[in-house]
């Protein structure tokens, strides 16, 4: 999305009457991207906490189930936000969980 917005701007000049609209759209796109990055960073931190808790938690089906449920909920919520390369990220998470 950002690359699409940037490529539209390459056709403009400093005296173009469309420059103001372009700058506004670019700023909105960058802000949206920044928000997604911040959200995904928080999600990553939460998942790290959940995964690390698997290493030290009580050895019981309920405890494992609760933690895995939190992980699944976090992944499902992230899927709804339509992050790019989501499937690759989930594959990496699966590998990390298998190693834990």
PDB file of N, CA and C in Angstrom:
ATOM      1  N   UNK A   1       0.821  -1.186   0.000  1.00  0.00           N
ATOM      2  CA  UNK A   1       0.000   0.000   0.000  1.00  0.00           C
ATOM      3  C   UNK A   1       0.871   1.259   0.000  1.00  0.00           C
ATOM      4  N   UNK A   2       1.920   1.240   0.802  1.00  0.00           N
ATOM      5  CA  UNK A   2       2.798   2.403   0.835  1.00  0.00           C
ATOM      6  C   UNK A   2       3.505   2.559  -0.507  1.00  0.00           C
ATOM      7  N   UNK A   3       3.979   1.440  -1.067  1.00  0.00           N
ATOM      8  CA  UNK A   3       4.685   1.520  -2.348  1.00  0.00           C
ATOM      9  C   UNK A   3       3.764   2.044  -3.447  1.00  0.00           C
ATOM     10  N   UNK A   4       2.508   1.644  -3.414  1.00  0.00           N
ATOM     11  CA  UNK A   4       1.542   2.136  -4.396  1.00  0.00           C
ATOM     12  C   UNK A   4       1.377   3.649  -4.271  1.00  0.00           C
ATOM     13  N   UNK A   5       1.279   4.107  -3.023  1.00  0.00           N
ATOM     14  CA  UNK A   5       1.120   5.537  -2.772  1.00  0.00           C
ATOM     15  C   UNK A   5       2.361   6.302  -3.230  1.00  0.00           C
ATOM     16  N   UNK A   6       3.526   5.766  -2.943  1.00  0.00           N
ATOM     17  CA  UNK A   6       4.771   6.429  -3.346  1.00  0.00           C
ATOM     18  C   UNK A   6       4.890   6.491  -4.862  1.00  0.00           C
ATOM     19  N   UNK A   7       4.529   5.394  -5.525  1.00  0.00           N
ATOM     20  CA  UNK A   7       4.655   5.386  -6.984  1.00  0.00           C
ATOM     21  C   UNK A   7       3.721   6.406  -7.632  1.00  0.00           C
ATOM     22  N   UNK A   8       2.577   6.674  -7.023  1.00  0.00           N
ATOM     23  CA  UNK A   8       1.683   7.711  -7.547  1.00  0.00           C
ATOM     24  C   UNK A   8       2.333   9.080  -7.441  1.00  0.00           C
ATOM     25  N   UNK A   9       3.109   9.273  -6.393  1.00  0.00           N
ATOM     26  CA  UNK A   9       3.756  10.563  -6.175  1.00  0.00           C
ATOM     27  C   UNK A   9       4.882  10.853  -7.138  1.00  0.00           C
ATOM     28  N   UNK A  10       5.465   9.829  -7.702  1.00  0.00           N
ATOM     29  CA  UNK A  10       6.586  10.059  -8.619  1.00  0.00           C
ATOM     30  C   UNK A  10       6.140  10.760  -9.896  1.00  0.00           C
ATOM     31  N   UNK A  11       4.851  10.724 -10.190  1.00  0.00           N
ATOM     32  CA  UNK A  11       4.344  11.381 -11.396  1.00  0.00           C
ATOM     33  C   UNK A  11       4.031  12.861 -11.145  1.00  0.00           C
ATOM     34  N   UNK A  12       4.143  13.307  -9.890  1.00  0.00           N
ATOM     35  CA  UNK A  12       3.803  14.685  -9.552  1.00  0.00           C
ATOM     36  C   UNK A  12       5.038  15.573  -9.539  1.00  0.00           C
ATOM     37  N   UNK A  13       4.809  16.857  -9.696  1.00  0.00           N
ATOM     38  CA  UNK A  13       5.889  17.842  -9.543  1.00  0.00           C
ATOM     39  C   UNK A  13       5.496  18.786  -8.409  1.00  0.00           C
ATOM     40  N   UNK A  14       6.430  19.615  -7.981  1.00  0.00           N
ATOM     41  CA  UNK A  14       6.172  20.524  -6.864  1.00  0.00           C
ATOM     42  C   UNK A  14       5.080  21.533  -7.176  1.00  0.00           C
ATOM     43  N   UNK A  15       4.809  21.779  -8.413  1.00  0.00           N
ATOM     44  CA  UNK A  15       3.780  22.762  -8.779  1.00  0.00           C
ATOM     45  C   UNK A  15       2.454  22.110  -9.135  1.00  0.00           C
ATOM     46  N   UNK A  16       2.344  20.812  -8.984  1.00  0.00           N
ATOM     47  CA  UNK A  16       1.121  20.090  -9.327  1.00  0.00           C
ATOM     48  C   UNK A  16      -0.006  20.463  -8.368  1.00  0.00           C
ATOM     49  N   UNK A  17      -1.194  20.633  -8.900  1.00  0.00           N
ATOM     50  CA  UNK A  17      -2.355  20.954  -8.066  1.00  0.00           C
ATOM     51  C   UNK A  17      -2.808  19.739  -7.244  1.00  0.00           C
ATOM     52  N   UNK A  18      -2.335  18.558  -7.582  1.00  0.00           N
ATOM     53  CA  UNK A  18      -2.694  17.340  -6.857  1.00  0.00           C
ATOM     54  C   UNK A  18      -1.727  17.028  -5.708  1.00  0.00           C
ATOM     55  N   UNK A  19      -0.715  17.848  -5.549  1.00  0.00           N
ATOM     56  CA  UNK A  19       0.321  17.563  -4.563  1.00  0.00           C
ATOM     57  C   UNK A  19      -0.227  17.553  -3.138  1.00  0.00           C
ATOM     58  N   UNK A  20      -1.098  18.490  -2.789  1.00  0.00           N
ATOM     59  CA  UNK A  20      -1.669  18.558  -1.451  1.00  0.00           C
ATOM     60  C   UNK A  20      -2.448  17.300  -1.103  1.00  0.00           C
ATOM     61  N   UNK A  21      -3.254  16.837  -2.030  1.00  0.00           N
ATOM     62  CA  UNK A  21      -4.033  15.615  -1.828  1.00  0.00           C
ATOM     63  C   UNK A  21      -3.113  14.412  -1.683  1.00  0.00           C
ATOM     64  N   UNK A  22      -2.085  14.364  -2.514  1.00  0.00           N
ATOM     65  CA  UNK A  22      -1.124  13.261  -2.440  1.00  0.00           C
ATOM     66  C   UNK A  22      -0.419  13.228  -1.095  1.00  0.00           C
ATOM     67  N   UNK A  23       0.030  14.378  -0.627  1.00  0.00           N
ATOM     68  CA  UNK A  23       0.744  14.445   0.648  1.00  0.00           C
ATOM     69  C   UNK A  23      -0.168  13.989   1.777  1.00  0.00           C
ATOM     70  N   UNK A  24      -1.415  14.389   1.744  1.00  0.00           N
ATOM     71  CA  UNK A  24      -2.370  13.975   2.772  1.00  0.00           C
ATOM     72  C   UNK A  24      -2.578  12.456   2.742  1.00  0.00           C
ATOM     73  N   UNK A  25      -2.756  11.890   1.552  1.00  0.00           N
ATOM     74  CA  UNK A  25      -2.930  10.440   1.428  1.00  0.00           C
ATOM     75  C   UNK A  25      -1.683   9.686   1.877  1.00  0.00           C
ATOM     76  N   UNK A  26      -0.515  10.204   1.514  1.00  0.00           N
ATOM     77  CA  UNK A  26       0.735   9.571   1.928  1.00  0.00           C
ATOM     78  C   UNK A  26       0.876   9.603   3.448  1.00  0.00           C
ATOM     79  N   UNK A  27       0.567  10.724   4.059  1.00  0.00           N
ATOM     80  CA  UNK A  27       0.657  10.844   5.512  1.00  0.00           C
ATOM     81  C   UNK A  27      -0.297   9.862   6.197  1.00  0.00           C
ATOM     82  N   UNK A  28      -1.508   9.732   5.692  1.00  0.00           N
ATOM     83  CA  UNK A  28      -2.471   8.783   6.266  1.00  0.00           C
ATOM     84  C   UNK A  28      -1.986   7.349   6.112  1.00  0.00           C
ATOM     85  N   UNK A  29      -1.419   7.039   4.959  1.00  0.00           N
ATOM     86  CA  UNK A  29      -0.908   5.692   4.706  1.00  0.00           C
ATOM     87  C   UNK A  29       0.251   5.371   5.643  1.00  0.00           C
ATOM     88  N   UNK A  30       1.155   6.314   5.820  1.00  0.00           N
ATOM     89  CA  UNK A  30       2.294   6.102   6.711  1.00  0.00           C
ATOM     90  C   UNK A  30       1.820   5.950   8.151  1.00  0.00           C
ATOM     91  N   UNK A  31       0.871   6.764   8.579  1.00  0.00           N
ATOM     92  CA  UNK A  31       0.331   6.652   9.945  1.00  0.00           C
ATOM     93  C   UNK A  31      -0.339   5.304  10.164  1.00  0.00           C
ATOM     94  N   UNK A  32      -1.104   4.853   9.183  1.00  0.00           N
ATOM     95  CA  UNK A  32      -1.745   3.534   9.293  1.00  0.00           C
ATOM     96  C   UNK A  32      -0.707   2.423   9.369  1.00  0.00           C
ATOM     97  N   UNK A  33       0.338   2.538   8.563  1.00  0.00           N
ATOM     98  CA  UNK A  33       1.406   1.551   8.579  1.00  0.00           C
ATOM     99  C   UNK A  33       2.113   1.545   9.932  1.00  0.00           C
ATOM    100  N   UNK A  34       2.387   2.728  10.456  1.00  0.00           N
ATOM    101  CA  UNK A  34       3.044   2.834  11.758  1.00  0.00           C
ATOM    102  C   UNK A  34       2.187   2.200  12.843  1.00  0.00           C
ATOM    103  N   UNK A  35       0.884   2.417  12.806  1.00  0.00           N
ATOM    104  CA  UNK A  35      -0.026   1.824  13.792  1.00  0.00           C
ATOM    105  C   UNK A  35       0.008   0.303  13.704  1.00  0.00           C
ATOM    106  N   UNK A  36      -0.005  -0.227  12.486  1.00  0.00           N
ATOM    107  CA  UNK A  36       0.058  -1.676  12.316  1.00  0.00           C
ATOM    108  C   UNK A  36       1.372  -2.243  12.850  1.00  0.00           C
ATOM    109  N   UNK A  37       2.464  -1.545  12.603  1.00  0.00           N
ATOM    110  CA  UNK A  37       3.762  -2.001  13.103  1.00  0.00           C
ATOM    111  C   UNK A  37       3.758  -2.005  14.629  1.00  0.00           C
ATOM    112  N   UNK A  38       3.237  -0.948  15.239  1.00  0.00           N
ATOM    113  CA  UNK A  38       3.168  -0.887  16.697  1.00  0.00           C
ATOM    114  C   UNK A  38       2.276  -1.993  17.255  1.00  0.00           C
ATOM    115  N   UNK A  39       1.124  -2.214  16.620  1.00  0.00           N
ATOM    116  CA  UNK A  39       0.215  -3.275  17.057  1.00  0.00           C
ATOM    117  C   UNK A  39       0.877  -4.641  16.949  1.00  0.00           C
ATOM    118  N   UNK A  40       1.552  -4.872  15.844  1.00  0.00           N
ATOM    119  CA  UNK A  40       2.190  -6.167  15.631  1.00  0.00           C
ATOM    120  C   UNK A  40       3.372  -6.362  16.583  1.00  0.00           C
ATOM    121  N   UNK A  41       4.059  -5.299  16.913  1.00  0.00           N
ATOM    122  CA  UNK A  41       5.136  -5.387  17.889  1.00  0.00           C
ATOM    123  C   UNK A  41       4.583  -5.807  19.248  1.00  0.00           C
ATOM    124  N   UNK A  42       3.458  -5.233  19.638  1.00  0.00           N
ATOM    125  CA  UNK A  42       2.815  -5.604  20.898  1.00  0.00           C
ATOM    126  C   UNK A  42       2.372  -7.063  20.863  1.00  0.00           C
ATOM    127  N   UNK A  43       1.800  -7.490  19.747  1.00  0.00           N
ATOM    128  CA  UNK A  43       1.374  -8.886  19.588  1.00  0.00           C
ATOM    129  C   UNK A  43       2.573  -9.817  19.732  1.00  0.00           C
ATOM    130  N   UNK A  44       3.685  -9.457  19.126  1.00  0.00           N
ATOM    131  CA  UNK A  44       4.891 -10.272  19.234  1.00  0.00           C
ATOM    132  C   UNK A  44       5.378 -10.384  20.666  1.00  0.00           C
ATOM    133  N   UNK A  45       5.332  -9.276  21.388  1.00  0.00           N
ATOM    134  CA  UNK A  45       5.738  -9.301  22.791  1.00  0.00           C
ATOM    135  C   UNK A  45       4.819 -10.197  23.620  1.00  0.00           C
ATOM    136  N   UNK A  46       3.509 -10.091  23.377  1.00  0.00           N
ATOM    137  CA  UNK A  46       2.554 -10.929  24.101  1.00  0.00           C
ATOM    138  C   UNK A  46       2.796 -12.409  23.803  1.00  0.00           C
ATOM    139  N   UNK A  47       3.015 -12.732  22.542  1.00  0.00           N
ATOM    140  CA  UNK A  47       3.252 -14.123  22.171  1.00  0.00           C
ATOM    141  C   UNK A  47       4.536 -14.648  22.799  1.00  0.00           C
ATOM    142  N   UNK A  48       5.564 -13.809  22.855  1.00  0.00           N
ATOM    143  CA  UNK A  48       6.808 -14.221  23.517  1.00  0.00           C
ATOM    144  C   UNK A  48       6.547 -14.561  24.984  1.00  0.00           C
ATOM    145  N   UNK A  49       5.752 -13.747  25.644  1.00  0.00           N
ATOM    146  CA  UNK A  49       5.423 -14.006  27.050  1.00  0.00           C
ATOM    147  C   UNK A  49       4.686 -15.335  27.177  1.00  0.00           C
ATOM    148  N   UNK A  50       3.702 -15.568  26.307  1.00  0.00           N
ATOM    149  CA  UNK A  50       2.939 -16.823  26.360  1.00  0.00           C
ATOM    150  C   UNK A  50       3.844 -18.030  26.109  1.00  0.00           C
ATOM    151  N   UNK A  51       4.695 -17.916  25.110  1.00  0.00           N
ATOM    152  CA  UNK A  51       5.579 -19.039  24.763  1.00  0.00           C
ATOM    153  C   UNK A  51       6.555 -19.321  25.898  1.00  0.00           C
ATOM    154  N   UNK A  52       7.145 -18.273  26.463  1.00  0.00           N
ATOM    155  CA  UNK A  52       8.069 -18.476  27.582  1.00  0.00           C
ATOM    156  C   UNK A  52       7.355 -19.073  28.793  1.00  0.00           C
ATOM    157  N   UNK A  53       6.084 -18.736  28.982  1.00  0.00           N
ATOM    158  CA  UNK A  53       5.351 -19.292  30.119  1.00  0.00           C
ATOM    159  C   UNK A  53       5.109 -20.789  29.947  1.00  0.00           C
ATOM    160  N   UNK A  54       5.112 -21.265  28.708  1.00  0.00           N
ATOM    161  CA  UNK A  54       4.980 -22.705  28.481  1.00  0.00           C
ATOM    162  C   UNK A  54       6.179 -23.468  29.046  1.00  0.00           C
ATOM    163  N   UNK A  55       7.325 -22.813  29.057  1.00  0.00           N
ATOM    164  CA  UNK A  55       8.546 -23.461  29.535  1.00  0.00           C
ATOM    165  C   UNK A  55       8.572 -23.633  31.052  1.00  0.00           C
ATOM    166  N   UNK A  56       7.836 -22.787  31.762  1.00  0.00           N
ATOM    167  CA  UNK A  56       7.919 -22.806  33.224  1.00  0.00           C
ATOM    168  C   UNK A  56       6.586 -23.077  33.920  1.00  0.00           C
ATOM    169  N   UNK A  57       5.541 -23.287  33.158  1.00  0.00           N
ATOM    170  CA  UNK A  57       4.224 -23.443  33.772  1.00  0.00           C
ATOM    171  C   UNK A  57       4.062 -24.834  34.408  1.00  0.00           C
ATOM    172  N   UNK A  58       3.002 -24.924  35.185  1.00  0.00           N
ATOM    173  CA  UNK A  58       2.652 -26.199  35.797  1.00  0.00           C
ATOM    174  C   UNK A  58       2.345 -27.212  34.687  1.00  0.00           C
ATOM    175  N   UNK A  59       2.795 -28.427  34.897  1.00  0.00           N
ATOM    176  CA  UNK A  59       2.622 -29.471  33.891  1.00  0.00           C
ATOM    177  C   UNK A  59       1.228 -30.081  34.032  1.00  0.00           C
ATOM    178  N   UNK A  60       0.247 -29.446  33.382  1.00  0.00           N
ATOM    179  CA  UNK A  60      -1.123 -29.970  33.406  1.00  0.00           C
ATOM    180  C   UNK A  60      -1.818 -29.593  32.103  1.00  0.00           C
ATOM    181  N   UNK A  61      -2.799 -30.395  31.748  1.00  0.00           N
ATOM    182  CA  UNK A  61      -3.531 -30.167  30.501  1.00  0.00           C
ATOM    183  C   UNK A  61      -4.257 -28.828  30.534  1.00  0.00           C
ATOM    184  N   UNK A  62      -4.828 -28.472  31.672  1.00  0.00           N
ATOM    185  CA  UNK A  62      -5.551 -27.198  31.769  1.00  0.00           C
ATOM    186  C   UNK A  62      -4.631 -26.011  31.563  1.00  0.00           C
ATOM    187  N   UNK A  63      -3.475 -26.060  32.199  1.00  0.00           N
ATOM    188  CA  UNK A  63      -2.521 -24.951  32.077  1.00  0.00           C
ATOM    189  C   UNK A  63      -2.038 -24.811  30.637  1.00  0.00           C
ATOM    190  N   UNK A  64      -1.634 -25.928  30.030  1.00  0.00           N
ATOM    191  CA  UNK A  64      -1.209 -25.887  28.625  1.00  0.00           C
ATOM    192  C   UNK A  64      -2.348 -25.398  27.731  1.00  0.00           C
ATOM    193  N   UNK A  65      -3.533 -25.905  27.989  1.00  0.00           N
ATOM    194  CA  UNK A  65      -4.696 -25.512  27.179  1.00  0.00           C
ATOM    195  C   UNK A  65      -4.992 -24.028  27.276  1.00  0.00           C
ATOM    196  N   UNK A  66      -4.884 -23.467  28.475  1.00  0.00           N
ATOM    197  CA  UNK A  66      -5.138 -22.033  28.655  1.00  0.00           C
ATOM    198  C   UNK A  66      -4.118 -21.190  27.902  1.00  0.00           C
ATOM    199  N   UNK A  67      -2.866 -21.564  28.027  1.00  0.00           N
ATOM    200  CA  UNK A  67      -1.812 -20.788  27.351  1.00  0.00           C
ATOM    201  C   UNK A  67      -1.934 -20.922  25.834  1.00  0.00           C
ATOM    202  N   UNK A  68      -2.134 -22.150  25.362  1.00  0.00           N
ATOM    203  CA  UNK A  68      -2.297 -22.349  23.918  1.00  0.00           C
ATOM    204  C   UNK A  68      -3.547 -21.647  23.393  1.00  0.00           C
ATOM    205  N   UNK A  69      -4.585 -21.578  24.220  1.00  0.00           N
ATOM    206  CA  UNK A  69      -5.795 -20.848  23.834  1.00  0.00           C
ATOM    207  C   UNK A  69      -5.521 -19.359  23.668  1.00  0.00           C
ATOM    208  N   UNK A  70      -4.698 -18.800  24.567  1.00  0.00           N
ATOM    209  CA  UNK A  70      -4.326 -17.387  24.440  1.00  0.00           C
ATOM    210  C   UNK A  70      -3.514 -17.155  23.173  1.00  0.00           C
ATOM    211  N   UNK A  71      -2.621 -18.085  22.887  1.00  0.00           N
ATOM    212  CA  UNK A  71      -1.824 -17.969  21.659  1.00  0.00           C
ATOM    213  C   UNK A  71      -2.726 -18.043  20.435  1.00  0.00           C
ATOM    214  N   UNK A  72      -3.633 -18.993  20.427  1.00  0.00           N
ATOM    215  CA  UNK A  72      -4.542 -19.155  19.286  1.00  0.00           C
ATOM    216  C   UNK A  72      -5.423 -17.925  19.111  1.00  0.00           C
ATOM    217  N   UNK A  73      -5.915 -17.383  20.208  1.00  0.00           N
ATOM    218  CA  UNK A  73      -6.754 -16.183  20.127  1.00  0.00           C
ATOM    219  C   UNK A  73      -5.962 -15.005  19.548  1.00  0.00           C
ATOM    220  N   UNK A  74      -4.725 -14.859  19.984  1.00  0.00           N
ATOM    221  CA  UNK A  74      -3.879 -13.774  19.495  1.00  0.00           C
ATOM    222  C   UNK A  74      -3.606 -13.930  17.999  1.00  0.00           C
ATOM    223  N   UNK A  75      -3.335 -15.154  17.576  1.00  0.00           N
ATOM    224  CA  UNK A  75      -3.080 -15.417  16.151  1.00  0.00           C
ATOM    225  C   UNK A  75      -4.346 -15.162  15.326  1.00  0.00           C
ATOM    226  N   UNK A  76      -5.490 -15.626  15.815  1.00  0.00           N
ATOM    227  CA  UNK A  76      -6.751 -15.430  15.086  1.00  0.00           C
ATOM    228  C   UNK A  76      -7.084 -13.946  14.967  1.00  0.00           C
ATOM    229  N   UNK A  77      -6.859 -13.201  16.040  1.00  0.00           N
ATOM    230  CA  UNK A  77      -7.109 -11.766  16.013  1.00  0.00           C
ATOM    231  C   UNK A  77      -6.180 -11.081  15.016  1.00  0.00           C
ATOM    232  N   UNK A  78      -4.937 -11.509  14.980  1.00  0.00           N
ATOM    233  CA  UNK A  78      -3.971 -10.937  14.034  1.00  0.00           C
ATOM    234  C   UNK A  78      -4.362 -11.250  12.594  1.00  0.00           C
ATOM    235  N   UNK A  79      -4.903 -12.427  12.369  1.00  0.00           N
ATOM    236  CA  UNK A  79      -5.343 -12.817  11.029  1.00  0.00           C
ATOM    237  C   UNK A  79      -6.435 -11.878  10.527  1.00  0.00           C
ATOM    238  N   UNK A  80      -7.318 -11.462  11.408  1.00  0.00           N
ATOM    239  CA  UNK A  80      -8.398 -10.557  11.016  1.00  0.00           C
ATOM    240  C   UNK A  80      -7.884  -9.178  10.609  1.00  0.00           C
ATOM    241  N   UNK A  81      -6.715  -8.827  11.082  1.00  0.00           N
ATOM    242  CA  UNK A  81      -6.136  -7.518  10.757  1.00  0.00           C
ATOM    243  C   UNK A  81      -5.409  -7.521   9.423  1.00  0.00           C
ATOM    244  N   UNK A  82      -5.323  -8.672   8.796  1.00  0.00           N
ATOM    245  CA  UNK A  82      -4.785  -8.825   7.438  1.00  0.00           C
ATOM    246  C   UNK A  82      -3.367  -8.272   7.283  1.00  0.00           C
ATOM    247  N   UNK A  83      -2.472  -8.737   8.139  1.00  0.00           N
ATOM    248  CA  UNK A  83      -1.071  -8.366   8.003  1.00  0.00           C
ATOM    249  C   UNK A  83      -0.467  -9.085   6.809  1.00  0.00           C
ATOM    250  N   UNK A  84       0.456  -8.420   6.146  1.00  0.00           N
ATOM    251  CA  UNK A  84       1.132  -9.069   5.022  1.00  0.00           C
ATOM    252  C   UNK A  84       2.059 -10.159   5.537  1.00  0.00           C
ATOM    253  N   UNK A  85       2.269 -11.166   4.734  1.00  0.00           N
ATOM    254  CA  UNK A  85       3.138 -12.305   5.060  1.00  0.00           C
ATOM    255  C   UNK A  85       2.707 -13.027   6.340  1.00  0.00           C
ATOM    256  N   UNK A  86       1.430 -12.996   6.625  1.00  0.00           N
ATOM    257  CA  UNK A  86       0.904 -13.594   7.852  1.00  0.00           C
ATOM    258  C   UNK A  86       1.189 -15.087   7.911  1.00  0.00           C
ATOM    259  N   UNK A  87       0.993 -15.776   6.792  1.00  0.00           N
ATOM    260  CA  UNK A  87       1.203 -17.227   6.777  1.00  0.00           C
ATOM    261  C   UNK A  87       2.651 -17.592   7.101  1.00  0.00           C
ATOM    262  N   UNK A  88       3.600 -16.797   6.634  1.00  0.00           N
ATOM    263  CA  UNK A  88       5.009 -17.041   6.930  1.00  0.00           C
ATOM    264  C   UNK A  88       5.280 -16.850   8.414  1.00  0.00           C
ATOM    265  N   UNK A  89       4.690 -15.819   8.977  1.00  0.00           N
ATOM    266  CA  UNK A  89       4.850 -15.528  10.401  1.00  0.00           C
ATOM    267  C   UNK A  89       4.262 -16.661  11.244  1.00  0.00           C
ATOM    268  N   UNK A  90       3.094 -17.163  10.853  1.00  0.00           N
ATOM    269  CA  UNK A  90       2.456 -18.257  11.587  1.00  0.00           C
ATOM    270  C   UNK A  90       3.304 -19.529  11.490  1.00  0.00           C
ATOM    271  N   UNK A  91       3.879 -19.795  10.341  1.00  0.00           N
ATOM    272  CA  UNK A  91       4.763 -20.963  10.199  1.00  0.00           C
ATOM    273  C   UNK A  91       5.955 -20.860  11.139  1.00  0.00           C
ATOM    274  N   UNK A  92       6.531 -19.683  11.261  1.00  0.00           N
ATOM    275  CA  UNK A  92       7.643 -19.472  12.188  1.00  0.00           C
ATOM    276  C   UNK A  92       7.208 -19.658  13.630  1.00  0.00           C
ATOM    277  N   UNK A  93       6.013 -19.196  13.947  1.00  0.00           N
ATOM    278  CA  UNK A  93       5.468 -19.374  15.294  1.00  0.00           C
ATOM    279  C   UNK A  93       5.242 -20.848  15.594  1.00  0.00           C
ATOM    280  N   UNK A  94       4.719 -21.582  14.625  1.00  0.00           N
ATOM    281  CA  UNK A  94       4.524 -23.025  14.790  1.00  0.00           C
ATOM    282  C   UNK A  94       5.854 -23.738  15.089  1.00  0.00           C
ATOM    283  N   UNK A  95       6.873 -23.370  14.350  1.00  0.00           N
ATOM    284  CA  UNK A  95       8.195 -23.964  14.572  1.00  0.00           C
ATOM    285  C   UNK A  95       8.717 -23.657  15.976  1.00  0.00           C
ATOM    286  N   UNK A  96       8.516 -22.417  16.399  1.00  0.00           N
ATOM    287  CA  UNK A  96       8.966 -22.022  17.729  1.00  0.00           C
ATOM    288  C   UNK A  96       8.211 -22.792  18.820  1.00  0.00           C
ATOM    289  N   UNK A  97       6.920 -22.968  18.633  1.00  0.00           N
ATOM    290  CA  UNK A  97       6.120 -23.727  19.600  1.00  0.00           C
ATOM    291  C   UNK A  97       6.536 -25.193  19.629  1.00  0.00           C
ATOM    292  N   UNK A  98       6.853 -25.753  18.492  1.00  0.00           N
ATOM    293  CA  UNK A  98       7.289 -27.146  18.444  1.00  0.00           C
ATOM    294  C   UNK A  98       8.622 -27.348  19.172  1.00  0.00           C
ATOM    295  N   UNK A  99       9.468 -26.328  19.136  1.00  0.00           N
ATOM    296  CA  UNK A  99      10.759 -26.417  19.820  1.00  0.00           C
ATOM    297  C   UNK A  99      10.626 -26.239  21.328  1.00  0.00           C
ATOM    298  N   UNK A 100       9.544 -25.603  21.781  1.00  0.00           N
ATOM    299  CA  UNK A 100       9.366 -25.307  23.206  1.00  0.00           C
ATOM    300  C   UNK A 100       8.953 -26.496  23.987  1.00  0.00           C
TER     301      UNK A 100
END
